[in-house]
């Protein structure tokens, strides 16, 4: 689950800002039953757990993604699980970001990372693709802009 300090830092209450800016949480994974429970789908699992904990239903389809909307401490959040396969995830991410009219620093990409030990989370406010083809696709469809935050989820090399 997302640490409480992260929620406090990035999700401001409506008493401070009367019209808080929304967030788009974009998870990377592969669609279909054969990929459920595989290590490259931990981004999907993270979004599913987040949605369940906040009672956000992921029941619509938008821009080639399973999509849900909700609130975290009064801040609107959009949750998306692109259904385009990992290496083409930018085909969904680009239109989602454009449609929501959010600056890229309000788009959090959750993805697996083999270089991190299994279960370890790492937050980066921006950066390069780190040899992750899904993140590379997202950057490409954000017109080369890599100024978006990422939550890397460690899957290790041999933790499955």
C-alpha atoms as a PDB file:
ATOM      1  CA  UNK A   1       0.000   0.000   0.000  1.00  0.00           C
ATOM      2  CA  UNK A   2       1.082   3.604  -0.499  1.00  0.00           C
ATOM      3  CA  UNK A   3       2.780   4.986   2.649  1.00  0.00           C
ATOM      4  CA  UNK A   4       0.746   7.534   4.625  1.00  0.00           C
ATOM      5  CA  UNK A   5       3.533  10.165   4.299  1.00  0.00           C
ATOM      6  CA  UNK A   6       3.264  10.012   0.499  1.00  0.00           C
ATOM      7  CA  UNK A   7      -0.497  10.497   0.675  1.00  0.00           C
ATOM      8  CA  UNK A   8      -0.086  13.491   2.994  1.00  0.00           C
ATOM      9  CA  UNK A   9       2.623  15.092   0.854  1.00  0.00           C
ATOM     10  CA  UNK A  10       0.941  14.713  -2.522  1.00  0.00           C
ATOM     11  CA  UNK A  11      -2.772  14.784  -1.688  1.00  0.00           C
ATOM     12  CA  UNK A  12      -3.645  18.131  -0.126  1.00  0.00           C
ATOM     13  CA  UNK A  13      -6.913  18.568   1.714  1.00  0.00           C
ATOM     14  CA  UNK A  14      -9.635  20.729   0.238  1.00  0.00           C
ATOM     15  CA  UNK A  15      -9.359  23.120   3.195  1.00  0.00           C
ATOM     16  CA  UNK A  16      -5.957  24.249   1.902  1.00  0.00           C
ATOM     17  CA  UNK A  17      -6.845  24.297  -1.795  1.00  0.00           C
ATOM     18  CA  UNK A  18     -10.554  24.746  -2.576  1.00  0.00           C
ATOM     19  CA  UNK A  19     -10.153  23.168  -6.036  1.00  0.00           C
ATOM     20  CA  UNK A  20      -7.407  20.548  -5.795  1.00  0.00           C
ATOM     21  CA  UNK A  21      -5.860  19.381  -9.045  1.00  0.00           C
ATOM     22  CA  UNK A  22      -6.565  15.776  -9.992  1.00  0.00           C
ATOM     23  CA  UNK A  23      -4.044  12.966 -10.367  1.00  0.00           C
ATOM     24  CA  UNK A  24      -3.878  10.253 -13.019  1.00  0.00           C
ATOM     25  CA  UNK A  25      -2.485   6.951 -11.739  1.00  0.00           C
ATOM     26  CA  UNK A  26      -1.376   4.873 -14.688  1.00  0.00           C
ATOM     27  CA  UNK A  27      -0.377   1.279 -14.071  1.00  0.00           C
ATOM     28  CA  UNK A  28       1.685  -0.785 -16.475  1.00  0.00           C
ATOM     29  CA  UNK A  29       0.911  -4.405 -17.186  1.00  0.00           C
ATOM     30  CA  UNK A  30      -0.406  -6.833 -19.775  1.00  0.00           C
ATOM     31  CA  UNK A  31      -4.111  -7.512 -20.345  1.00  0.00           C
ATOM     32  CA  UNK A  32      -5.730 -10.915 -20.306  1.00  0.00           C
ATOM     33  CA  UNK A  33      -6.189 -13.849 -17.978  1.00  0.00           C
ATOM     34  CA  UNK A  34      -2.892 -15.501 -18.888  1.00  0.00           C
ATOM     35  CA  UNK A  35      -0.977 -12.561 -17.354  1.00  0.00           C
ATOM     36  CA  UNK A  36      -2.875 -12.396 -14.046  1.00  0.00           C
ATOM     37  CA  UNK A  37      -0.451 -12.968 -11.174  1.00  0.00           C
ATOM     38  CA  UNK A  38       2.690 -12.592 -13.293  1.00  0.00           C
ATOM     39  CA  UNK A  39       5.429 -10.339 -12.012  1.00  0.00           C
ATOM     40  CA  UNK A  40       5.176  -7.839 -14.842  1.00  0.00           C
ATOM     41  CA  UNK A  41       1.576  -7.138 -13.813  1.00  0.00           C
ATOM     42  CA  UNK A  42       2.366  -5.802 -10.332  1.00  0.00           C
ATOM     43  CA  UNK A  43       1.435  -2.314 -11.584  1.00  0.00           C
ATOM     44  CA  UNK A  44      -2.076  -3.601 -12.306  1.00  0.00           C
ATOM     45  CA  UNK A  45      -2.176  -5.314  -8.919  1.00  0.00           C
ATOM     46  CA  UNK A  46      -1.103  -2.095  -7.183  1.00  0.00           C
ATOM     47  CA  UNK A  47      -3.893  -0.091  -8.849  1.00  0.00           C
ATOM     48  CA  UNK A  48      -6.435  -2.832  -8.093  1.00  0.00           C
ATOM     49  CA  UNK A  49      -5.452  -2.804  -4.394  1.00  0.00           C
ATOM     50  CA  UNK A  50      -5.535   1.010  -4.302  1.00  0.00           C
ATOM     51  CA  UNK A  51      -8.966   1.110  -5.972  1.00  0.00           C
ATOM     52  CA  UNK A  52     -10.342  -1.552  -3.642  1.00  0.00           C
ATOM     53  CA  UNK A  53      -9.036   0.223  -0.525  1.00  0.00           C
ATOM     54  CA  UNK A  54     -10.823   3.433  -1.587  1.00  0.00           C
ATOM     55  CA  UNK A  55     -13.945   1.732  -3.006  1.00  0.00           C
ATOM     56  CA  UNK A  56     -13.219   3.073  -6.499  1.00  0.00           C
ATOM     57  CA  UNK A  57     -14.838   0.909  -9.127  1.00  0.00           C
ATOM     58  CA  UNK A  58     -12.777   0.193 -12.211  1.00  0.00           C
ATOM     59  CA  UNK A  59     -15.813  -0.355 -14.399  1.00  0.00           C
ATOM     60  CA  UNK A  60     -15.405   1.812 -17.467  1.00  0.00           C
ATOM     61  CA  UNK A  61     -13.190   1.821 -20.539  1.00  0.00           C
ATOM     62  CA  UNK A  62     -11.477   5.008 -21.654  1.00  0.00           C
ATOM     63  CA  UNK A  63      -8.577   5.531 -24.112  1.00  0.00           C
ATOM     64  CA  UNK A  64      -7.877   1.772 -24.369  1.00  0.00           C
ATOM     65  CA  UNK A  65      -7.783   1.493 -20.541  1.00  0.00           C
ATOM     66  CA  UNK A  66      -9.887   0.041 -17.781  1.00  0.00           C
ATOM     67  CA  UNK A  67     -10.688   3.229 -15.928  1.00  0.00           C
ATOM     68  CA  UNK A  68     -12.013   4.441 -12.572  1.00  0.00           C
ATOM     69  CA  UNK A  69     -12.546   7.774 -10.802  1.00  0.00           C
ATOM     70  CA  UNK A  70     -12.589   8.616  -7.121  1.00  0.00           C
ATOM     71  CA  UNK A  71     -11.339  10.877  -4.346  1.00  0.00           C
ATOM     72  CA  UNK A  72      -8.385  10.664  -1.946  1.00  0.00           C
ATOM     73  CA  UNK A  73      -8.726  13.156   0.909  1.00  0.00           C
ATOM     74  CA  UNK A  74     -10.913  15.305  -1.340  1.00  0.00           C
ATOM     75  CA  UNK A  75      -8.465  15.188  -4.265  1.00  0.00           C
ATOM     76  CA  UNK A  76      -9.827  13.683  -7.524  1.00  0.00           C
ATOM     77  CA  UNK A  77      -7.925  10.662  -8.818  1.00  0.00           C
ATOM     78  CA  UNK A  78      -8.228   8.833 -12.119  1.00  0.00           C
ATOM     79  CA  UNK A  79      -7.004   5.240 -12.174  1.00  0.00           C
ATOM     80  CA  UNK A  80      -6.091   3.541 -15.444  1.00  0.00           C
ATOM     81  CA  UNK A  81      -4.978   0.056 -16.470  1.00  0.00           C
ATOM     82  CA  UNK A  82      -4.038   0.238 -20.169  1.00  0.00           C
ATOM     83  CA  UNK A  83      -5.110  -2.790 -22.178  1.00  0.00           C
ATOM     84  CA  UNK A  84      -2.505  -2.410 -24.938  1.00  0.00           C
ATOM     85  CA  UNK A  85       0.288  -4.720 -23.686  1.00  0.00           C
ATOM     86  CA  UNK A  86       3.338  -3.411 -21.908  1.00  0.00           C
ATOM     87  CA  UNK A  87       5.474  -2.339 -24.870  1.00  0.00           C
ATOM     88  CA  UNK A  88       2.624  -0.294 -26.386  1.00  0.00           C
ATOM     89  CA  UNK A  89       1.250   1.244 -23.187  1.00  0.00           C
ATOM     90  CA  UNK A  90       2.043   4.743 -24.427  1.00  0.00           C
ATOM     91  CA  UNK A  91      -0.758   4.381 -27.000  1.00  0.00           C
ATOM     92  CA  UNK A  92      -3.144   4.591 -24.065  1.00  0.00           C
ATOM     93  CA  UNK A  93      -1.079   6.819 -21.743  1.00  0.00           C
ATOM     94  CA  UNK A  94      -0.634   9.672 -24.223  1.00  0.00           C
ATOM     95  CA  UNK A  95      -4.356  10.117 -24.979  1.00  0.00           C
ATOM     96  CA  UNK A  96      -5.278   9.677 -21.285  1.00  0.00           C
ATOM     97  CA  UNK A  97      -2.927  12.476 -20.227  1.00  0.00           C
ATOM     98  CA  UNK A  98      -4.083  14.705 -23.081  1.00  0.00           C
ATOM     99  CA  UNK A  99      -7.773  14.076 -22.364  1.00  0.00           C
ATOM    100  CA  UNK A 100      -7.417  14.760 -18.640  1.00  0.00           C
ATOM    101  CA  UNK A 101      -5.502  18.004 -19.422  1.00  0.00           C
ATOM    102  CA  UNK A 102      -3.151  17.374 -16.511  1.00  0.00           C
ATOM    103  CA  UNK A 103       0.467  18.467 -16.416  1.00  0.00           C
ATOM    104  CA  UNK A 104       2.736  15.432 -16.560  1.00  0.00           C
ATOM    105  CA  UNK A 105       3.871  15.985 -12.979  1.00  0.00           C
ATOM    106  CA  UNK A 106       0.303  14.912 -12.016  1.00  0.00           C
ATOM    107  CA  UNK A 107       0.566  11.566 -13.870  1.00  0.00           C
ATOM    108  CA  UNK A 108       1.972   8.805 -11.652  1.00  0.00           C
ATOM    109  CA  UNK A 109       3.168   5.721 -13.545  1.00  0.00           C
ATOM    110  CA  UNK A 110       3.304   2.494 -11.484  1.00  0.00           C
ATOM    111  CA  UNK A 111       5.465  -0.244 -12.969  1.00  0.00           C
ATOM    112  CA  UNK A 112       7.600  -3.281 -12.216  1.00  0.00           C
ATOM    113  CA  UNK A 113      11.362  -3.021 -11.789  1.00  0.00           C
ATOM    114  CA  UNK A 114      13.668  -6.038 -11.980  1.00  0.00           C
ATOM    115  CA  UNK A 115      16.586  -4.109 -10.482  1.00  0.00           C
ATOM    116  CA  UNK A 116      14.777  -3.711  -7.143  1.00  0.00           C
ATOM    117  CA  UNK A 117      14.409  -6.576  -4.663  1.00  0.00           C
ATOM    118  CA  UNK A 118      10.990  -8.182  -4.596  1.00  0.00           C
ATOM    119  CA  UNK A 119       8.409  -6.002  -2.842  1.00  0.00           C
ATOM    120  CA  UNK A 120      10.583  -2.886  -2.514  1.00  0.00           C
ATOM    121  CA  UNK A 121       8.957   0.379  -3.642  1.00  0.00           C
ATOM    122  CA  UNK A 122      10.888   3.336  -5.043  1.00  0.00           C
ATOM    123  CA  UNK A 123       9.430   6.716  -5.920  1.00  0.00           C
ATOM    124  CA  UNK A 124      11.081   8.914  -8.565  1.00  0.00           C
ATOM    125  CA  UNK A 125       9.706  12.391  -9.307  1.00  0.00           C
ATOM    126  CA  UNK A 126      11.006  12.100 -12.913  1.00  0.00           C
ATOM    127  CA  UNK A 127      13.819  10.510 -14.909  1.00  0.00           C
ATOM    128  CA  UNK A 128      14.581   8.265 -17.843  1.00  0.00           C
ATOM    129  CA  UNK A 129      13.019   4.930 -18.817  1.00  0.00           C
ATOM    130  CA  UNK A 130      15.609   2.797 -17.035  1.00  0.00           C
ATOM    131  CA  UNK A 131      15.473   0.230 -19.867  1.00  0.00           C
ATOM    132  CA  UNK A 132      11.792  -0.473 -19.152  1.00  0.00           C
ATOM    133  CA  UNK A 133      10.017  -0.794 -22.509  1.00  0.00           C
ATOM    134  CA  UNK A 134       6.650   0.249 -21.081  1.00  0.00           C
ATOM    135  CA  UNK A 135       8.083   3.441 -19.597  1.00  0.00           C
ATOM    136  CA  UNK A 136       9.962   4.018 -22.869  1.00  0.00           C
ATOM    137  CA  UNK A 137       6.625   3.826 -24.714  1.00  0.00           C
ATOM    138  CA  UNK A 138       5.027   6.270 -22.258  1.00  0.00           C
ATOM    139  CA  UNK A 139       7.872   8.766 -22.739  1.00  0.00           C
ATOM    140  CA  UNK A 140       7.575   8.422 -26.521  1.00  0.00           C
ATOM    141  CA  UNK A 141       3.823   9.159 -26.401  1.00  0.00           C
ATOM    142  CA  UNK A 142       4.426  12.079 -24.024  1.00  0.00           C
ATOM    143  CA  UNK A 143       6.445  13.569 -26.936  1.00  0.00           C
ATOM    144  CA  UNK A 144       9.797  12.733 -25.340  1.00  0.00           C
ATOM    145  CA  UNK A 145       8.920  14.331 -22.007  1.00  0.00           C
ATOM    146  CA  UNK A 146      10.044  12.260 -19.003  1.00  0.00           C
ATOM    147  CA  UNK A 147       9.017  14.796 -16.339  1.00  0.00           C
ATOM    148  CA  UNK A 148       6.411  12.556 -14.717  1.00  0.00           C
ATOM    149  CA  UNK A 149       6.616  10.684 -11.392  1.00  0.00           C
ATOM    150  CA  UNK A 150       6.985   6.910 -11.209  1.00  0.00           C
ATOM    151  CA  UNK A 151       6.395   4.344  -8.532  1.00  0.00           C
ATOM    152  CA  UNK A 152       8.692   1.408  -9.195  1.00  0.00           C
ATOM    153  CA  UNK A 153       7.682  -1.916  -7.684  1.00  0.00           C
ATOM    154  CA  UNK A 154      10.530  -4.358  -7.137  1.00  0.00           C
ATOM    155  CA  UNK A 155      10.072  -7.769  -8.716  1.00  0.00           C
ATOM    156  CA  UNK A 156      13.730  -8.859  -8.409  1.00  0.00           C
ATOM    157  CA  UNK A 157      15.278 -11.259 -10.841  1.00  0.00           C
ATOM    158  CA  UNK A 158      14.251 -14.474  -9.109  1.00  0.00           C
ATOM    159  CA  UNK A 159      11.468 -13.608  -6.677  1.00  0.00           C
ATOM    160  CA  UNK A 160       8.737 -15.448  -8.587  1.00  0.00           C
END
